[in-house]
């Protein structure tokens, strides 16, 4: 059974004026296997961010169902959603979403504090994580004392500390320079090799080329998919770039 199953998903918004309906998602169907690393790409307004928000239980479907490890997210009660997110989903955002009043260690541990984990368990989880992500030397600093790349590493540690079923990443390289981007993408690959499932929304061909599969969304639907297979990152990059050119231009055939 797939870890994540998205079936016949639709999302319709009604405009405030004129009652015009906007179909953000029309008929989305896909699945993600445990341990996969999937990137979602599409032009602005294609529906990819709407889809991510729905998967994160931050927005609700107009129709269809989403199953995470067999549990239907669309049937979650409002009072249970925060705890569900904390225990099953890890989040990495473009703007980091760190609290400047907390030091880096407290930012990482916050989900465990909210889950009322013991101090012993928190210490047992954070130690190997800080070593793996090479953030031991900044653990007691505050976010405002750190570079963008360092902040994103802290954010990734916070996402992983709960041992989530899936990590949802929203433009994780969007606020990073080239060097920090390379570092983060290498880290994502290493984390994925350890078995962590990752679903990433991105505009970046470079970021997408590090995934194992890329799904392209156009006009609220899954338009095309690419699998990395045995391709090198460089060759997969070129294939993604060529596909985007065809999709955005509306011409030619995708091979």
C-alpha atoms as a PDB file:
ATOM      1  CA  UNK A   1       0.000   0.000   0.000  1.00  0.00           C
ATOM      2  CA  UNK A   2       1.229   3.485  -0.860  1.00  0.00           C
ATOM      3  CA  UNK A   3       2.117   5.816   1.994  1.00  0.00           C
ATOM      4  CA  UNK A   4       0.167   8.704   0.436  1.00  0.00           C
ATOM      5  CA  UNK A   5      -2.812   8.307  -1.895  1.00  0.00           C
ATOM      6  CA  UNK A   6      -4.530  11.290  -3.479  1.00  0.00           C
ATOM      7  CA  UNK A   7      -7.782  10.336  -5.197  1.00  0.00           C
ATOM      8  CA  UNK A   8     -10.066  12.449  -7.401  1.00  0.00           C
ATOM      9  CA  UNK A   9      -9.155  15.588  -5.494  1.00  0.00           C
ATOM     10  CA  UNK A  10     -10.932  18.822  -6.341  1.00  0.00           C
ATOM     11  CA  UNK A  11     -10.763  22.296  -4.873  1.00  0.00           C
ATOM     12  CA  UNK A  12     -13.159  25.034  -5.917  1.00  0.00           C
ATOM     13  CA  UNK A  13     -13.146  28.578  -4.616  1.00  0.00           C
ATOM     14  CA  UNK A  14     -16.038  30.997  -4.982  1.00  0.00           C
ATOM     15  CA  UNK A  15     -14.949  34.552  -5.771  1.00  0.00           C
ATOM     16  CA  UNK A  16     -16.082  37.162  -3.264  1.00  0.00           C
ATOM     17  CA  UNK A  17     -17.668  39.264  -5.991  1.00  0.00           C
ATOM     18  CA  UNK A  18     -19.837  37.820  -8.707  1.00  0.00           C
ATOM     19  CA  UNK A  19     -19.983  34.297  -7.236  1.00  0.00           C
ATOM     20  CA  UNK A  20     -17.641  33.105  -9.965  1.00  0.00           C
ATOM     21  CA  UNK A  21     -16.142  29.690  -9.245  1.00  0.00           C
ATOM     22  CA  UNK A  22     -12.423  29.100  -9.575  1.00  0.00           C
ATOM     23  CA  UNK A  23     -11.325  25.484  -9.984  1.00  0.00           C
ATOM     24  CA  UNK A  24      -7.894  25.415  -8.337  1.00  0.00           C
ATOM     25  CA  UNK A  25      -7.696  21.608  -8.467  1.00  0.00           C
ATOM     26  CA  UNK A  26      -9.809  19.678 -10.945  1.00  0.00           C
ATOM     27  CA  UNK A  27      -9.097  15.960 -10.696  1.00  0.00           C
ATOM     28  CA  UNK A  28      -5.824  15.162  -8.982  1.00  0.00           C
ATOM     29  CA  UNK A  29      -4.783  11.520  -8.693  1.00  0.00           C
ATOM     30  CA  UNK A  30      -1.379  10.247  -7.598  1.00  0.00           C
ATOM     31  CA  UNK A  31       0.327   8.163  -4.954  1.00  0.00           C
ATOM     32  CA  UNK A  32       3.642   8.375  -3.127  1.00  0.00           C
ATOM     33  CA  UNK A  33       5.470   5.286  -1.929  1.00  0.00           C
ATOM     34  CA  UNK A  34       7.274   5.169   1.382  1.00  0.00           C
ATOM     35  CA  UNK A  35      10.826   6.440   0.918  1.00  0.00           C
ATOM     36  CA  UNK A  36      10.083   8.351  -2.303  1.00  0.00           C
ATOM     37  CA  UNK A  37      11.367  11.855  -3.014  1.00  0.00           C
ATOM     38  CA  UNK A  38       8.854  13.658  -5.226  1.00  0.00           C
ATOM     39  CA  UNK A  39       8.939  17.206  -6.596  1.00  0.00           C
ATOM     40  CA  UNK A  40       5.866  19.080  -7.799  1.00  0.00           C
ATOM     41  CA  UNK A  41       6.340  21.789 -10.412  1.00  0.00           C
ATOM     42  CA  UNK A  42       4.063  24.165 -12.292  1.00  0.00           C
ATOM     43  CA  UNK A  43       3.581  27.794 -13.186  1.00  0.00           C
ATOM     44  CA  UNK A  44       2.188  30.271 -10.667  1.00  0.00           C
ATOM     45  CA  UNK A  45      -1.536  29.647 -10.354  1.00  0.00           C
ATOM     46  CA  UNK A  46      -1.261  26.019 -11.509  1.00  0.00           C
ATOM     47  CA  UNK A  47      -2.568  24.683  -8.187  1.00  0.00           C
ATOM     48  CA  UNK A  48       0.607  23.243  -6.669  1.00  0.00           C
ATOM     49  CA  UNK A  49       0.556  25.400  -3.516  1.00  0.00           C
ATOM     50  CA  UNK A  50      -3.155  24.712  -3.045  1.00  0.00           C
ATOM     51  CA  UNK A  51      -2.387  21.005  -3.246  1.00  0.00           C
ATOM     52  CA  UNK A  52       0.402  21.286  -0.694  1.00  0.00           C
ATOM     53  CA  UNK A  53      -1.837  23.215   1.714  1.00  0.00           C
ATOM     54  CA  UNK A  54      -4.489  20.521   1.417  1.00  0.00           C
ATOM     55  CA  UNK A  55      -1.957  17.754   2.050  1.00  0.00           C
ATOM     56  CA  UNK A  56      -0.817  19.733   5.104  1.00  0.00           C
ATOM     57  CA  UNK A  57      -4.465  19.839   6.318  1.00  0.00           C
ATOM     58  CA  UNK A  58      -4.302  23.650   6.195  1.00  0.00           C
ATOM     59  CA  UNK A  59      -7.077  23.738   3.594  1.00  0.00           C
ATOM     60  CA  UNK A  60      -9.998  21.457   2.787  1.00  0.00           C
ATOM     61  CA  UNK A  61     -10.966  19.625  -0.367  1.00  0.00           C
ATOM     62  CA  UNK A  62     -14.159  20.280  -2.288  1.00  0.00           C
ATOM     63  CA  UNK A  63     -14.197  16.625  -3.298  1.00  0.00           C
ATOM     64  CA  UNK A  64     -12.102  13.469  -3.258  1.00  0.00           C
ATOM     65  CA  UNK A  65      -9.993  11.875  -0.553  1.00  0.00           C
ATOM     66  CA  UNK A  66      -6.433  11.827   0.740  1.00  0.00           C
ATOM     67  CA  UNK A  67      -5.078   8.810   2.549  1.00  0.00           C
ATOM     68  CA  UNK A  68      -1.880   8.916   4.602  1.00  0.00           C
ATOM     69  CA  UNK A  69      -0.921   5.411   5.637  1.00  0.00           C
ATOM     70  CA  UNK A  70      -4.574   4.434   5.226  1.00  0.00           C
ATOM     71  CA  UNK A  71      -5.961   7.321   7.294  1.00  0.00           C
ATOM     72  CA  UNK A  72      -8.330   9.654   5.452  1.00  0.00           C
ATOM     73  CA  UNK A  73      -7.155  13.224   6.085  1.00  0.00           C
ATOM     74  CA  UNK A  74     -10.456  14.635   4.840  1.00  0.00           C
ATOM     75  CA  UNK A  75     -12.242  13.067   7.810  1.00  0.00           C
ATOM     76  CA  UNK A  76     -10.011  14.571  10.484  1.00  0.00           C
ATOM     77  CA  UNK A  77     -11.872  16.610  13.078  1.00  0.00           C
ATOM     78  CA  UNK A  78     -10.819  20.233  13.485  1.00  0.00           C
ATOM     79  CA  UNK A  79      -9.703  19.674  17.080  1.00  0.00           C
ATOM     80  CA  UNK A  80      -7.423  16.809  16.033  1.00  0.00           C
ATOM     81  CA  UNK A  81      -5.670  18.490  13.112  1.00  0.00           C
ATOM     82  CA  UNK A  82      -2.880  20.285  14.996  1.00  0.00           C
ATOM     83  CA  UNK A  83      -1.847  17.101  16.795  1.00  0.00           C
ATOM     84  CA  UNK A  84      -2.039  15.120  13.540  1.00  0.00           C
ATOM     85  CA  UNK A  85       0.259  17.573  11.757  1.00  0.00           C
ATOM     86  CA  UNK A  86       2.720  17.573  14.624  1.00  0.00           C
ATOM     87  CA  UNK A  87       2.910  13.786  14.852  1.00  0.00           C
ATOM     88  CA  UNK A  88       2.768  12.798  11.182  1.00  0.00           C
ATOM     89  CA  UNK A  89       3.959  15.689   9.014  1.00  0.00           C
ATOM     90  CA  UNK A  90       7.223  17.597   8.857  1.00  0.00           C
ATOM     91  CA  UNK A  91       7.294  21.066   7.293  1.00  0.00           C
ATOM     92  CA  UNK A  92      10.085  23.026   5.595  1.00  0.00           C
ATOM     93  CA  UNK A  93       9.152  26.520   4.398  1.00  0.00           C
ATOM     94  CA  UNK A  94      10.818  29.045   2.107  1.00  0.00           C
ATOM     95  CA  UNK A  95      10.952  31.666   4.886  1.00  0.00           C
ATOM     96  CA  UNK A  96      12.054  29.155   7.579  1.00  0.00           C
ATOM     97  CA  UNK A  97       9.250  30.047  10.073  1.00  0.00           C
ATOM     98  CA  UNK A  98      11.639  30.045  13.032  1.00  0.00           C
ATOM     99  CA  UNK A  99      10.938  31.942  16.243  1.00  0.00           C
ATOM    100  CA  UNK A 100      13.591  34.607  16.890  1.00  0.00           C
ATOM    101  CA  UNK A 101      12.774  34.626  20.618  1.00  0.00           C
ATOM    102  CA  UNK A 102      13.839  30.957  20.838  1.00  0.00           C
ATOM    103  CA  UNK A 103      17.372  29.735  20.287  1.00  0.00           C
ATOM    104  CA  UNK A 104      17.935  27.153  17.584  1.00  0.00           C
ATOM    105  CA  UNK A 105      17.739  24.213  19.951  1.00  0.00           C
ATOM    106  CA  UNK A 106      14.386  25.325  21.323  1.00  0.00           C
ATOM    107  CA  UNK A 107      13.086  25.900  17.782  1.00  0.00           C
ATOM    108  CA  UNK A 108      13.982  22.325  16.866  1.00  0.00           C
ATOM    109  CA  UNK A 109      12.491  20.867  20.025  1.00  0.00           C
ATOM    110  CA  UNK A 110       9.261  22.890  19.931  1.00  0.00           C
ATOM    111  CA  UNK A 111       7.150  20.158  18.246  1.00  0.00           C
ATOM    112  CA  UNK A 112       8.265  17.664  20.903  1.00  0.00           C
ATOM    113  CA  UNK A 113       7.518  20.138  23.693  1.00  0.00           C
ATOM    114  CA  UNK A 114       4.009  20.611  22.308  1.00  0.00           C
ATOM    115  CA  UNK A 115       3.652  16.816  22.157  1.00  0.00           C
ATOM    116  CA  UNK A 116       4.727  16.664  25.825  1.00  0.00           C
ATOM    117  CA  UNK A 117       7.697  14.394  25.225  1.00  0.00           C
ATOM    118  CA  UNK A 118      10.125  13.861  28.090  1.00  0.00           C
ATOM    119  CA  UNK A 119      13.360  15.827  28.345  1.00  0.00           C
ATOM    120  CA  UNK A 120      15.242  12.552  28.064  1.00  0.00           C
ATOM    121  CA  UNK A 121      13.540  11.638  24.788  1.00  0.00           C
ATOM    122  CA  UNK A 122      14.068  15.127  23.384  1.00  0.00           C
ATOM    123  CA  UNK A 123      17.792  14.972  24.125  1.00  0.00           C
ATOM    124  CA  UNK A 124      18.042  11.485  22.630  1.00  0.00           C
ATOM    125  CA  UNK A 125      16.431  12.662  19.391  1.00  0.00           C
ATOM    126  CA  UNK A 126      18.218  15.961  18.912  1.00  0.00           C
ATOM    127  CA  UNK A 127      21.799  14.811  19.434  1.00  0.00           C
ATOM    128  CA  UNK A 128      22.175  12.534  16.357  1.00  0.00           C
ATOM    129  CA  UNK A 129      20.104  14.940  14.271  1.00  0.00           C
ATOM    130  CA  UNK A 130      22.312  17.961  14.943  1.00  0.00           C
ATOM    131  CA  UNK A 131      25.364  15.873  14.105  1.00  0.00           C
ATOM    132  CA  UNK A 132      23.867  14.564  10.862  1.00  0.00           C
ATOM    133  CA  UNK A 133      22.824  18.048   9.727  1.00  0.00           C
ATOM    134  CA  UNK A 134      26.118  19.637  10.837  1.00  0.00           C
ATOM    135  CA  UNK A 135      24.481  22.227  13.109  1.00  0.00           C
ATOM    136  CA  UNK A 136      26.125  21.337  16.404  1.00  0.00           C
ATOM    137  CA  UNK A 137      28.118  24.586  16.470  1.00  0.00           C
ATOM    138  CA  UNK A 138      25.046  26.819  16.053  1.00  0.00           C
ATOM    139  CA  UNK A 139      22.582  24.941  18.235  1.00  0.00           C
ATOM    140  CA  UNK A 140      22.668  27.553  21.014  1.00  0.00           C
ATOM    141  CA  UNK A 141      22.584  30.562  18.697  1.00  0.00           C
ATOM    142  CA  UNK A 142      19.412  32.427  17.763  1.00  0.00           C
ATOM    143  CA  UNK A 143      17.975  32.421  14.216  1.00  0.00           C
ATOM    144  CA  UNK A 144      18.798  36.102  13.694  1.00  0.00           C
ATOM    145  CA  UNK A 145      22.463  35.256  14.298  1.00  0.00           C
ATOM    146  CA  UNK A 146      22.492  32.688  11.489  1.00  0.00           C
ATOM    147  CA  UNK A 147      22.742  32.723   7.701  1.00  0.00           C
ATOM    148  CA  UNK A 148      19.872  31.638   5.460  1.00  0.00           C
ATOM    149  CA  UNK A 149      21.469  28.239   4.885  1.00  0.00           C
ATOM    150  CA  UNK A 150      21.939  27.694   8.610  1.00  0.00           C
ATOM    151  CA  UNK A 151      18.350  28.700   9.312  1.00  0.00           C
ATOM    152  CA  UNK A 152      17.084  26.206   6.759  1.00  0.00           C
ATOM    153  CA  UNK A 153      19.144  23.437   8.361  1.00  0.00           C
ATOM    154  CA  UNK A 154      17.525  24.272  11.688  1.00  0.00           C
ATOM    155  CA  UNK A 155      14.127  24.194   9.989  1.00  0.00           C
ATOM    156  CA  UNK A 156      14.903  20.774   8.484  1.00  0.00           C
ATOM    157  CA  UNK A 157      15.967  19.497  11.914  1.00  0.00           C
ATOM    158  CA  UNK A 158      12.671  20.743  13.354  1.00  0.00           C
ATOM    159  CA  UNK A 159      10.797  18.942  10.570  1.00  0.00           C
ATOM    160  CA  UNK A 160      12.647  15.658  11.201  1.00  0.00           C
ATOM    161  CA  UNK A 161      12.682  15.669  15.009  1.00  0.00           C
ATOM    162  CA  UNK A 162       9.158  14.204  15.193  1.00  0.00           C
ATOM    163  CA  UNK A 163      10.097  11.332  12.845  1.00  0.00           C
ATOM    164  CA  UNK A 164       7.270  12.291  10.443  1.00  0.00           C
ATOM    165  CA  UNK A 165       5.704   9.944   7.933  1.00  0.00           C
ATOM    166  CA  UNK A 166       6.285  12.547   5.237  1.00  0.00           C
ATOM    167  CA  UNK A 167       8.135  15.864   4.930  1.00  0.00           C
ATOM    168  CA  UNK A 168       6.302  18.579   2.990  1.00  0.00           C
ATOM    169  CA  UNK A 169       8.681  21.209   1.627  1.00  0.00           C
ATOM    170  CA  UNK A 170       7.396  24.475   0.143  1.00  0.00           C
ATOM    171  CA  UNK A 171      10.040  26.175  -2.052  1.00  0.00           C
ATOM    172  CA  UNK A 172      12.784  25.192   0.438  1.00  0.00           C
ATOM    173  CA  UNK A 173      15.584  26.744  -1.632  1.00  0.00           C
ATOM    174  CA  UNK A 174      13.690  29.918  -2.539  1.00  0.00           C
ATOM    175  CA  UNK A 175      15.452  32.178  -0.020  1.00  0.00           C
ATOM    176  CA  UNK A 176      18.910  30.616  -0.278  1.00  0.00           C
ATOM    177  CA  UNK A 177      22.032  31.549  -2.210  1.00  0.00           C
ATOM    178  CA  UNK A 178      23.630  29.085  -4.623  1.00  0.00           C
ATOM    179  CA  UNK A 179      26.033  27.545  -2.118  1.00  0.00           C
ATOM    180  CA  UNK A 180      23.363  27.104   0.564  1.00  0.00           C
ATOM    181  CA  UNK A 181      20.999  25.658  -2.040  1.00  0.00           C
ATOM    182  CA  UNK A 182      23.541  23.012  -3.037  1.00  0.00           C
ATOM    183  CA  UNK A 183      24.126  22.153   0.617  1.00  0.00           C
ATOM    184  CA  UNK A 184      20.419  21.829   1.380  1.00  0.00           C
ATOM    185  CA  UNK A 185      19.704  19.668  -1.673  1.00  0.00           C
ATOM    186  CA  UNK A 186      22.578  17.328  -0.791  1.00  0.00           C
ATOM    187  CA  UNK A 187      21.162  17.104   2.725  1.00  0.00           C
ATOM    188  CA  UNK A 188      17.680  16.291   1.411  1.00  0.00           C
ATOM    189  CA  UNK A 189      19.141  13.486  -0.682  1.00  0.00           C
ATOM    190  CA  UNK A 190      20.966  12.065   2.334  1.00  0.00           C
ATOM    191  CA  UNK A 191      17.839  12.253   4.481  1.00  0.00           C
ATOM    192  CA  UNK A 192      15.866  10.531   1.726  1.00  0.00           C
ATOM    193  CA  UNK A 193      18.502   7.776   1.473  1.00  0.00           C
ATOM    194  CA  UNK A 194      17.851   7.106   5.151  1.00  0.00           C
ATOM    195  CA  UNK A 195      14.224   6.356   4.239  1.00  0.00           C
ATOM    196  CA  UNK A 196      12.509   9.689   4.792  1.00  0.00           C
ATOM    197  CA  UNK A 197       9.663  10.369   2.354  1.00  0.00           C
ATOM    198  CA  UNK A 198       9.763  13.898   0.899  1.00  0.00           C
ATOM    199  CA  UNK A 199       7.207  15.812  -1.164  1.00  0.00           C
ATOM    200  CA  UNK A 200       8.523  19.164  -2.374  1.00  0.00           C
ATOM    201  CA  UNK A 201       6.835  22.013  -4.238  1.00  0.00           C
ATOM    202  CA  UNK A 202       9.363  24.075  -6.189  1.00  0.00           C
ATOM    203  CA  UNK A 203       9.872  26.444  -9.102  1.00  0.00           C
ATOM    204  CA  UNK A 204      13.539  25.475  -9.214  1.00  0.00           C
ATOM    205  CA  UNK A 205      14.665  23.016 -11.883  1.00  0.00           C
ATOM    206  CA  UNK A 206      17.837  22.550  -9.868  1.00  0.00           C
ATOM    207  CA  UNK A 207      15.905  21.548  -6.745  1.00  0.00           C
ATOM    208  CA  UNK A 208      13.586  19.250  -8.690  1.00  0.00           C
ATOM    209  CA  UNK A 209      16.518  17.504 -10.380  1.00  0.00           C
ATOM    210  CA  UNK A 210      17.539  16.061  -7.006  1.00  0.00           C
ATOM    211  CA  UNK A 211      14.187  14.290  -6.579  1.00  0.00           C
ATOM    212  CA  UNK A 212      13.405  10.798  -7.834  1.00  0.00           C
ATOM    213  CA  UNK A 213      10.198  11.849  -9.571  1.00  0.00           C
ATOM    214  CA  UNK A 214       8.790  15.150 -10.814  1.00  0.00           C
ATOM    215  CA  UNK A 215       5.075  15.799 -11.267  1.00  0.00           C
ATOM    216  CA  UNK A 216       3.994  18.754 -13.394  1.00  0.00           C
ATOM    217  CA  UNK A 217       0.720  20.470 -12.573  1.00  0.00           C
ATOM    218  CA  UNK A 218      -1.070  22.553 -15.181  1.00  0.00           C
ATOM    219  CA  UNK A 219      -4.487  24.184 -14.779  1.00  0.00           C
ATOM    220  CA  UNK A 220      -5.252  22.201 -11.634  1.00  0.00           C
ATOM    221  CA  UNK A 221      -4.379  18.770 -13.023  1.00  0.00           C
ATOM    222  CA  UNK A 222      -1.386  16.427 -13.093  1.00  0.00           C
ATOM    223  CA  UNK A 223      -0.226  17.037 -16.638  1.00  0.00           C
ATOM    224  CA  UNK A 224       2.920  14.935 -16.851  1.00  0.00           C
ATOM    225  CA  UNK A 225       5.435  12.998 -14.748  1.00  0.00           C
ATOM    226  CA  UNK A 226       9.143  12.329 -15.079  1.00  0.00           C
ATOM    227  CA  UNK A 227      11.094   9.589 -13.325  1.00  0.00           C
ATOM    228  CA  UNK A 228      14.791  10.004 -12.641  1.00  0.00           C
ATOM    229  CA  UNK A 229      15.639   6.327 -12.805  1.00  0.00           C
ATOM    230  CA  UNK A 230      19.345   5.884 -13.576  1.00  0.00           C
ATOM    231  CA  UNK A 231      19.785   9.424 -14.946  1.00  0.00           C
ATOM    232  CA  UNK A 232      22.450  11.635 -13.432  1.00  0.00           C
ATOM    233  CA  UNK A 233      21.332  14.839 -11.734  1.00  0.00           C
ATOM    234  CA  UNK A 234      22.667  16.822 -14.710  1.00  0.00           C
ATOM    235  CA  UNK A 235      20.742  14.772 -17.292  1.00  0.00           C
ATOM    236  CA  UNK A 236      17.571  14.817 -15.177  1.00  0.00           C
ATOM    237  CA  UNK A 237      17.948  18.603 -14.894  1.00  0.00           C
ATOM    238  CA  UNK A 238      18.004  18.909 -18.673  1.00  0.00           C
ATOM    239  CA  UNK A 239      14.994  16.636 -19.071  1.00  0.00           C
ATOM    240  CA  UNK A 240      12.988  18.665 -16.535  1.00  0.00           C
ATOM    241  CA  UNK A 241      14.022  21.917 -18.218  1.00  0.00           C
ATOM    242  CA  UNK A 242      12.995  20.647 -21.656  1.00  0.00           C
ATOM    243  CA  UNK A 243       9.642  19.445 -20.317  1.00  0.00           C
ATOM    244  CA  UNK A 244       8.922  22.799 -18.665  1.00  0.00           C
ATOM    245  CA  UNK A 245       9.707  24.606 -21.913  1.00  0.00           C
ATOM    246  CA  UNK A 246       7.191  22.462 -23.788  1.00  0.00           C
ATOM    247  CA  UNK A 247       4.546  22.805 -21.092  1.00  0.00           C
ATOM    248  CA  UNK A 248       4.832  26.575 -20.818  1.00  0.00           C
ATOM    249  CA  UNK A 249       5.018  27.153 -24.559  1.00  0.00           C
ATOM    250  CA  UNK A 250       2.128  24.821 -25.277  1.00  0.00           C
ATOM    251  CA  UNK A 251       3.864  23.298 -28.253  1.00  0.00           C
ATOM    252  CA  UNK A 252       5.785  20.207 -29.225  1.00  0.00           C
ATOM    253  CA  UNK A 253       5.576  16.701 -27.852  1.00  0.00           C
ATOM    254  CA  UNK A 254       6.974  15.365 -24.607  1.00  0.00           C
ATOM    255  CA  UNK A 255       9.107  12.302 -25.142  1.00  0.00           C
END
